[in-house]
N, C-alpha and C. Protein backbone atom coordinates (compact mmCIF):
# COMPACT_ATOMS: atom_id res chain seq x y z
N MET A 1 0.84 -1.18 0.00
CA MET A 1 0.00 0.00 0.00
C MET A 1 0.88 1.24 0.00
N LYS A 2 0.66 2.07 -0.97
CA LYS A 2 1.42 3.31 -1.07
C LYS A 2 0.80 4.33 -0.13
N LEU A 3 1.63 4.97 0.67
CA LEU A 3 1.18 6.00 1.60
C LEU A 3 1.90 7.29 1.31
N PRO A 4 1.24 8.43 1.55
CA PRO A 4 1.93 9.71 1.38
C PRO A 4 3.17 9.75 2.28
N PRO A 5 4.27 10.30 1.80
CA PRO A 5 5.50 10.35 2.62
C PRO A 5 5.28 10.99 3.99
N SER A 6 4.42 12.00 4.07
CA SER A 6 4.18 12.65 5.37
C SER A 6 3.49 11.71 6.35
N LEU A 7 2.58 10.87 5.87
CA LEU A 7 1.89 9.91 6.73
C LEU A 7 2.85 8.82 7.18
N LEU A 8 3.66 8.35 6.26
CA LEU A 8 4.64 7.33 6.59
C LEU A 8 5.63 7.87 7.63
N ALA A 9 6.06 9.10 7.46
CA ALA A 9 6.98 9.72 8.43
C ALA A 9 6.32 9.85 9.80
N ARG A 10 5.04 10.15 9.82
CA ARG A 10 4.31 10.26 11.10
C ARG A 10 4.22 8.89 11.78
N LEU A 11 3.93 7.85 11.01
CA LEU A 11 3.88 6.50 11.57
C LEU A 11 5.25 6.11 12.15
N GLU A 12 6.30 6.41 11.42
CA GLU A 12 7.65 6.09 11.90
C GLU A 12 7.96 6.86 13.18
N ARG A 13 7.61 8.12 13.23
CA ARG A 13 7.85 8.96 14.41
C ARG A 13 7.09 8.40 15.62
N LEU A 14 5.83 8.02 15.41
CA LEU A 14 5.02 7.49 16.52
C LEU A 14 5.53 6.13 17.00
N ALA A 15 6.01 5.30 16.09
CA ALA A 15 6.58 4.01 16.49
C ALA A 15 7.84 4.22 17.32
N ARG A 16 8.68 5.16 16.90
CA ARG A 16 9.90 5.47 17.67
C ARG A 16 9.54 6.01 19.05
N ARG A 17 8.55 6.88 19.11
CA ARG A 17 8.12 7.46 20.39
C ARG A 17 7.55 6.37 21.30
N ALA A 18 6.78 5.45 20.73
CA ALA A 18 6.18 4.38 21.53
C ALA A 18 7.25 3.51 22.18
N ALA A 19 8.35 3.27 21.48
CA ALA A 19 9.42 2.44 22.04
C ALA A 19 9.97 3.02 23.33
N LYS A 20 9.90 4.33 23.46
CA LYS A 20 10.40 4.98 24.68
C LYS A 20 9.52 4.64 25.89
N GLU A 21 8.31 4.16 25.64
CA GLU A 21 7.39 3.79 26.72
C GLU A 21 7.43 2.29 27.01
N SER A 22 8.30 1.58 26.33
CA SER A 22 8.42 0.13 26.52
C SER A 22 8.69 -0.21 27.98
N TYR A 23 8.05 -1.27 28.43
CA TYR A 23 8.36 -1.83 29.75
C TYR A 23 9.10 -3.13 29.47
N SER A 24 10.41 -3.07 29.41
CA SER A 24 11.23 -4.23 29.03
C SER A 24 12.42 -4.40 29.97
N PRO A 25 12.15 -4.56 31.29
CA PRO A 25 13.25 -4.67 32.25
C PRO A 25 14.03 -5.99 32.14
N TYR A 26 13.47 -7.00 31.51
CA TYR A 26 14.12 -8.31 31.45
C TYR A 26 14.96 -8.46 30.19
N SER A 27 14.39 -8.16 29.05
CA SER A 27 15.13 -8.29 27.79
C SER A 27 15.92 -7.03 27.46
N ARG A 28 15.48 -5.91 27.98
CA ARG A 28 16.06 -4.60 27.62
C ARG A 28 16.01 -4.38 26.11
N PHE A 29 14.99 -4.95 25.48
CA PHE A 29 14.79 -4.85 24.03
C PHE A 29 13.48 -4.09 23.80
N ALA A 30 13.60 -2.77 23.73
CA ALA A 30 12.43 -1.91 23.55
C ALA A 30 11.94 -1.97 22.11
N VAL A 31 10.63 -2.06 21.96
CA VAL A 31 10.01 -2.07 20.64
C VAL A 31 8.81 -1.14 20.67
N GLY A 32 8.63 -0.40 19.58
CA GLY A 32 7.46 0.45 19.42
C GLY A 32 6.78 0.15 18.11
N ALA A 33 5.48 0.34 18.06
CA ALA A 33 4.72 0.10 16.83
C ALA A 33 3.66 1.17 16.66
N ALA A 34 3.34 1.45 15.42
CA ALA A 34 2.24 2.34 15.08
C ALA A 34 1.43 1.70 13.97
N VAL A 35 0.12 1.66 14.17
CA VAL A 35 -0.80 1.01 13.25
C VAL A 35 -1.69 2.05 12.59
N LEU A 36 -1.78 2.00 11.27
CA LEU A 36 -2.75 2.81 10.53
C LEU A 36 -3.97 1.93 10.32
N ALA A 37 -5.07 2.30 10.98
CA ALA A 37 -6.29 1.50 10.91
C ALA A 37 -7.12 1.86 9.69
N GLY A 38 -8.16 1.09 9.47
CA GLY A 38 -9.06 1.31 8.34
C GLY A 38 -9.71 2.68 8.35
N SER A 39 -9.91 3.24 9.53
CA SER A 39 -10.53 4.57 9.66
C SER A 39 -9.53 5.70 9.40
N ASN A 40 -8.26 5.33 9.17
CA ASN A 40 -7.13 6.25 9.02
C ASN A 40 -6.66 6.83 10.34
N LYS A 41 -7.18 6.34 11.46
CA LYS A 41 -6.65 6.71 12.76
C LYS A 41 -5.40 5.89 13.01
N ILE A 42 -4.51 6.46 13.82
CA ILE A 42 -3.25 5.79 14.14
C ILE A 42 -3.27 5.40 15.62
N TYR A 43 -2.84 4.17 15.89
CA TYR A 43 -2.75 3.65 17.25
C TYR A 43 -1.32 3.18 17.45
N SER A 44 -0.75 3.50 18.60
CA SER A 44 0.62 3.07 18.85
C SER A 44 0.67 2.20 20.10
N GLY A 45 1.78 1.51 20.25
CA GLY A 45 1.96 0.65 21.41
C GLY A 45 3.41 0.26 21.57
N ALA A 46 3.74 -0.18 22.77
CA ALA A 46 5.09 -0.64 23.10
C ALA A 46 5.01 -2.06 23.65
N ASN A 47 6.14 -2.74 23.66
CA ASN A 47 6.15 -4.06 24.27
C ASN A 47 6.08 -3.92 25.80
N VAL A 48 5.39 -4.88 26.41
CA VAL A 48 5.21 -4.90 27.86
C VAL A 48 5.60 -6.28 28.35
N GLU A 49 6.67 -6.33 29.15
CA GLU A 49 7.14 -7.62 29.65
C GLU A 49 6.53 -7.91 31.02
N ASN A 50 6.71 -9.16 31.44
CA ASN A 50 6.18 -9.63 32.71
C ASN A 50 7.16 -10.63 33.27
N ALA A 51 7.29 -10.68 34.59
CA ALA A 51 8.20 -11.64 35.21
C ALA A 51 7.84 -13.08 34.83
N SER A 52 6.58 -13.33 34.55
CA SER A 52 6.14 -14.61 34.00
C SER A 52 6.21 -14.45 32.49
N PHE A 53 7.35 -14.80 31.89
CA PHE A 53 7.67 -14.44 30.52
C PHE A 53 6.59 -14.75 29.49
N GLY A 54 5.83 -15.79 29.70
CA GLY A 54 4.78 -16.15 28.74
C GLY A 54 3.67 -15.10 28.66
N LEU A 55 3.64 -14.19 29.61
CA LEU A 55 2.60 -13.17 29.64
C LEU A 55 3.04 -11.84 29.03
N CYS A 56 4.20 -11.82 28.42
CA CYS A 56 4.69 -10.61 27.76
C CYS A 56 3.84 -10.31 26.53
N ASN A 57 3.83 -9.05 26.13
CA ASN A 57 3.07 -8.66 24.94
C ASN A 57 3.95 -7.78 24.06
N CYS A 58 4.01 -8.12 22.80
CA CYS A 58 4.81 -7.36 21.84
C CYS A 58 4.16 -6.02 21.51
N ALA A 59 4.97 -5.09 21.03
CA ALA A 59 4.48 -3.76 20.67
C ALA A 59 3.41 -3.82 19.58
N GLU A 60 3.61 -4.70 18.60
CA GLU A 60 2.66 -4.82 17.51
C GLU A 60 1.28 -5.20 18.03
N ARG A 61 1.26 -6.19 18.91
CA ARG A 61 -0.01 -6.64 19.46
C ARG A 61 -0.63 -5.60 20.38
N THR A 62 0.20 -4.88 21.14
CA THR A 62 -0.33 -3.81 21.98
C THR A 62 -1.05 -2.78 21.13
N ALA A 63 -0.41 -2.35 20.03
CA ALA A 63 -1.02 -1.35 19.14
C ALA A 63 -2.28 -1.89 18.48
N ILE A 64 -2.23 -3.13 18.00
CA ILE A 64 -3.39 -3.72 17.32
C ILE A 64 -4.54 -3.92 18.30
N PHE A 65 -4.25 -4.42 19.50
CA PHE A 65 -5.31 -4.63 20.48
C PHE A 65 -5.94 -3.30 20.91
N THR A 66 -5.13 -2.25 20.99
CA THR A 66 -5.67 -0.93 21.30
C THR A 66 -6.62 -0.47 20.20
N ALA A 67 -6.21 -0.68 18.95
CA ALA A 67 -7.06 -0.33 17.81
C ALA A 67 -8.36 -1.14 17.84
N ALA A 68 -8.24 -2.45 18.05
CA ALA A 68 -9.43 -3.31 18.07
C ALA A 68 -10.36 -2.93 19.22
N ALA A 69 -9.79 -2.60 20.38
CA ALA A 69 -10.60 -2.21 21.54
C ALA A 69 -11.29 -0.87 21.31
N SER A 70 -10.82 -0.13 20.31
CA SER A 70 -11.44 1.15 19.94
C SER A 70 -12.44 0.97 18.80
N GLY A 71 -12.68 -0.27 18.39
CA GLY A 71 -13.67 -0.55 17.36
C GLY A 71 -13.11 -0.76 15.96
N GLU A 72 -11.81 -0.66 15.80
CA GLU A 72 -11.21 -0.86 14.48
C GLU A 72 -11.23 -2.34 14.13
N ARG A 73 -11.44 -2.63 12.86
CA ARG A 73 -11.46 -4.01 12.41
C ARG A 73 -10.58 -4.24 11.18
N LYS A 74 -9.87 -3.19 10.75
CA LYS A 74 -9.01 -3.30 9.58
C LYS A 74 -7.71 -2.55 9.84
N ILE A 75 -6.62 -3.16 9.41
CA ILE A 75 -5.30 -2.54 9.49
C ILE A 75 -4.78 -2.35 8.07
N LYS A 76 -4.36 -1.14 7.77
CA LYS A 76 -3.78 -0.85 6.46
C LYS A 76 -2.26 -1.00 6.47
N CYS A 77 -1.66 -0.55 7.57
CA CYS A 77 -0.19 -0.52 7.65
C CYS A 77 0.24 -0.59 9.11
N ILE A 78 1.38 -1.22 9.35
CA ILE A 78 1.98 -1.21 10.68
C ILE A 78 3.47 -0.93 10.52
N VAL A 79 3.97 -0.02 11.35
CA VAL A 79 5.40 0.29 11.39
C VAL A 79 5.92 -0.20 12.73
N VAL A 80 7.01 -0.96 12.68
CA VAL A 80 7.63 -1.53 13.87
C VAL A 80 9.04 -0.97 13.98
N TYR A 81 9.35 -0.40 15.14
CA TYR A 81 10.68 0.19 15.36
C TYR A 81 11.41 -0.52 16.49
N THR A 82 12.68 -0.83 16.25
CA THR A 82 13.57 -1.32 17.30
C THR A 82 14.81 -0.43 17.31
N PRO A 83 15.26 -0.02 18.49
CA PRO A 83 16.45 0.84 18.59
C PRO A 83 17.73 0.00 18.46
N THR A 84 17.89 -0.57 17.30
CA THR A 84 19.00 -1.47 17.01
C THR A 84 19.70 -1.05 15.72
N ALA A 85 20.85 -1.63 15.45
CA ALA A 85 21.58 -1.31 14.23
C ALA A 85 21.02 -2.05 13.01
N SER A 86 20.37 -3.19 13.26
CA SER A 86 19.76 -3.92 12.15
C SER A 86 18.27 -4.10 12.44
N VAL A 87 17.51 -4.22 11.39
CA VAL A 87 16.06 -4.26 11.47
C VAL A 87 15.57 -5.61 12.04
N THR A 88 14.45 -5.55 12.75
CA THR A 88 13.84 -6.74 13.34
C THR A 88 12.40 -6.85 12.85
N PRO A 89 12.04 -7.90 12.15
CA PRO A 89 10.66 -8.06 11.68
C PRO A 89 9.75 -8.54 12.81
N PRO A 90 8.44 -8.46 12.62
CA PRO A 90 7.50 -8.96 13.64
C PRO A 90 7.69 -10.47 13.86
N CYS A 91 7.48 -10.89 15.10
CA CYS A 91 7.56 -12.32 15.43
C CYS A 91 6.36 -13.06 14.83
N GLY A 92 6.39 -14.36 14.92
CA GLY A 92 5.31 -15.17 14.34
C GLY A 92 3.95 -14.88 14.95
N ALA A 93 3.89 -14.73 16.28
CA ALA A 93 2.61 -14.43 16.94
C ALA A 93 2.05 -13.11 16.44
N CYS A 94 2.90 -12.11 16.31
CA CYS A 94 2.44 -10.80 15.82
C CYS A 94 1.99 -10.89 14.37
N ARG A 95 2.69 -11.67 13.57
CA ARG A 95 2.27 -11.85 12.17
C ARG A 95 0.86 -12.43 12.12
N GLN A 96 0.58 -13.38 12.99
CA GLN A 96 -0.75 -13.99 13.02
C GLN A 96 -1.80 -12.97 13.44
N VAL A 97 -1.50 -12.12 14.42
CA VAL A 97 -2.45 -11.10 14.86
C VAL A 97 -2.64 -10.04 13.78
N ILE A 98 -1.58 -9.64 13.12
CA ILE A 98 -1.71 -8.69 12.00
C ILE A 98 -2.63 -9.29 10.94
N ASN A 99 -2.45 -10.58 10.67
CA ASN A 99 -3.28 -11.26 9.66
C ASN A 99 -4.77 -11.17 9.97
N GLU A 100 -5.11 -11.22 11.24
CA GLU A 100 -6.52 -11.16 11.65
C GLU A 100 -7.21 -9.89 11.15
N PHE A 101 -6.47 -8.77 11.16
CA PHE A 101 -7.05 -7.48 10.82
C PHE A 101 -6.51 -6.88 9.52
N GLY A 102 -5.43 -7.44 8.99
CA GLY A 102 -4.84 -6.88 7.78
C GLY A 102 -4.06 -7.91 7.00
N PRO A 103 -4.72 -8.89 6.40
CA PRO A 103 -4.00 -9.94 5.70
C PRO A 103 -3.13 -9.44 4.53
N HIS A 104 -3.42 -8.25 4.06
CA HIS A 104 -2.61 -7.67 2.98
C HIS A 104 -1.96 -6.37 3.43
N ALA A 105 -1.92 -6.13 4.74
CA ALA A 105 -1.38 -4.88 5.28
C ALA A 105 0.09 -4.70 4.92
N ARG A 106 0.47 -3.45 4.78
CA ARG A 106 1.88 -3.12 4.60
C ARG A 106 2.55 -3.24 5.96
N VAL A 107 3.73 -3.85 5.99
CA VAL A 107 4.50 -4.01 7.22
C VAL A 107 5.88 -3.40 6.98
N LEU A 108 6.18 -2.39 7.76
CA LEU A 108 7.45 -1.69 7.63
C LEU A 108 8.20 -1.82 8.95
N SER A 109 9.37 -2.44 8.91
CA SER A 109 10.23 -2.56 10.09
C SER A 109 11.40 -1.62 9.91
N ILE A 110 11.64 -0.79 10.95
CA ILE A 110 12.71 0.20 10.90
C ILE A 110 13.58 0.09 12.15
N CYS A 111 14.75 0.70 12.08
CA CYS A 111 15.68 0.67 13.21
C CYS A 111 16.49 1.96 13.21
N ASP A 112 17.62 1.97 13.91
CA ASP A 112 18.43 3.18 14.01
C ASP A 112 19.37 3.38 12.82
N SER A 113 19.43 2.45 11.92
CA SER A 113 20.22 2.62 10.70
C SER A 113 19.25 2.80 9.53
N GLU A 114 19.77 2.84 8.35
CA GLU A 114 18.93 2.95 7.15
C GLU A 114 18.33 1.60 6.75
N ASP A 115 18.75 0.55 7.43
CA ASP A 115 18.23 -0.79 7.17
C ASP A 115 16.72 -0.80 7.42
N ARG A 116 15.96 -1.44 6.54
CA ARG A 116 14.52 -1.55 6.73
C ARG A 116 13.96 -2.72 5.94
N ILE A 117 12.83 -3.20 6.40
CA ILE A 117 12.07 -4.20 5.67
C ILE A 117 10.74 -3.55 5.33
N ASP A 118 10.39 -3.50 4.08
CA ASP A 118 9.13 -2.90 3.63
C ASP A 118 8.44 -3.95 2.78
N THR A 119 7.42 -4.58 3.33
CA THR A 119 6.77 -5.71 2.67
C THR A 119 5.29 -5.72 3.02
N THR A 120 4.65 -6.83 2.78
CA THR A 120 3.25 -6.99 3.14
C THR A 120 3.12 -8.20 4.06
N LEU A 121 2.04 -8.23 4.81
CA LEU A 121 1.84 -9.35 5.73
C LEU A 121 1.73 -10.67 4.97
N ASP A 122 1.05 -10.68 3.83
CA ASP A 122 0.91 -11.95 3.11
C ASP A 122 2.25 -12.46 2.58
N ALA A 123 3.23 -11.58 2.39
CA ALA A 123 4.57 -12.03 2.02
C ALA A 123 5.32 -12.58 3.24
N LEU A 124 5.05 -12.01 4.43
CA LEU A 124 5.69 -12.47 5.66
C LEU A 124 5.07 -13.75 6.21
N LEU A 125 3.79 -13.97 5.88
CA LEU A 125 3.06 -15.12 6.43
C LEU A 125 2.22 -15.77 5.33
N PRO A 126 2.89 -16.39 4.35
CA PRO A 126 2.13 -17.00 3.26
C PRO A 126 1.28 -18.18 3.75
N GLY A 127 0.11 -18.31 3.17
CA GLY A 127 -0.76 -19.42 3.53
C GLY A 127 -1.28 -19.34 4.96
N ALA A 128 -1.44 -18.13 5.46
CA ALA A 128 -1.84 -17.93 6.85
C ALA A 128 -3.21 -18.50 7.17
N PHE A 129 -3.36 -18.97 8.40
CA PHE A 129 -4.65 -19.35 8.94
C PHE A 129 -5.34 -18.08 9.38
N GLY A 130 -6.63 -17.95 9.04
CA GLY A 130 -7.35 -16.75 9.42
C GLY A 130 -8.84 -16.98 9.53
N PRO A 131 -9.59 -15.90 9.69
CA PRO A 131 -11.04 -16.01 9.86
C PRO A 131 -11.72 -16.83 8.76
N GLY A 132 -11.25 -16.74 7.54
CA GLY A 132 -11.85 -17.48 6.42
C GLY A 132 -11.74 -18.99 6.59
N ASN A 133 -10.76 -19.45 7.37
CA ASN A 133 -10.61 -20.88 7.58
C ASN A 133 -11.65 -21.45 8.55
N LEU A 134 -12.35 -20.59 9.24
CA LEU A 134 -13.34 -21.05 10.21
C LEU A 134 -14.73 -21.17 9.64
N GLY A 135 -14.87 -20.82 8.35
CA GLY A 135 -16.15 -20.98 7.67
C GLY A 135 -17.15 -20.00 8.15
């Protein structure tokens, strides 16, 4: 999905800002995400860790769940930022959650260098299981 450069820059800025709110005392791996929903509203989120590691939540899912809790049901684009030298794509669980609301969404992963991944969810998760599989 082609986005105006100003909108893309805003998504990147919000993802970077969200990472500053990360609660990551165990991994020290801050992640921020910004989601462009179907309504064109933007929702951001950071990763939130827990001493019971299985209860941690990634930034992508935090942003998507915030959007869904606000009534959004479609994702057009998600930008994921990690303050690292090389880019980090969404994990498998996040890819599955992105698929629920944006099976063809644009996924942009950015970091502190010029390195980036700019692709679509269906390229990251081919043959995904989704709502259509439930009949």
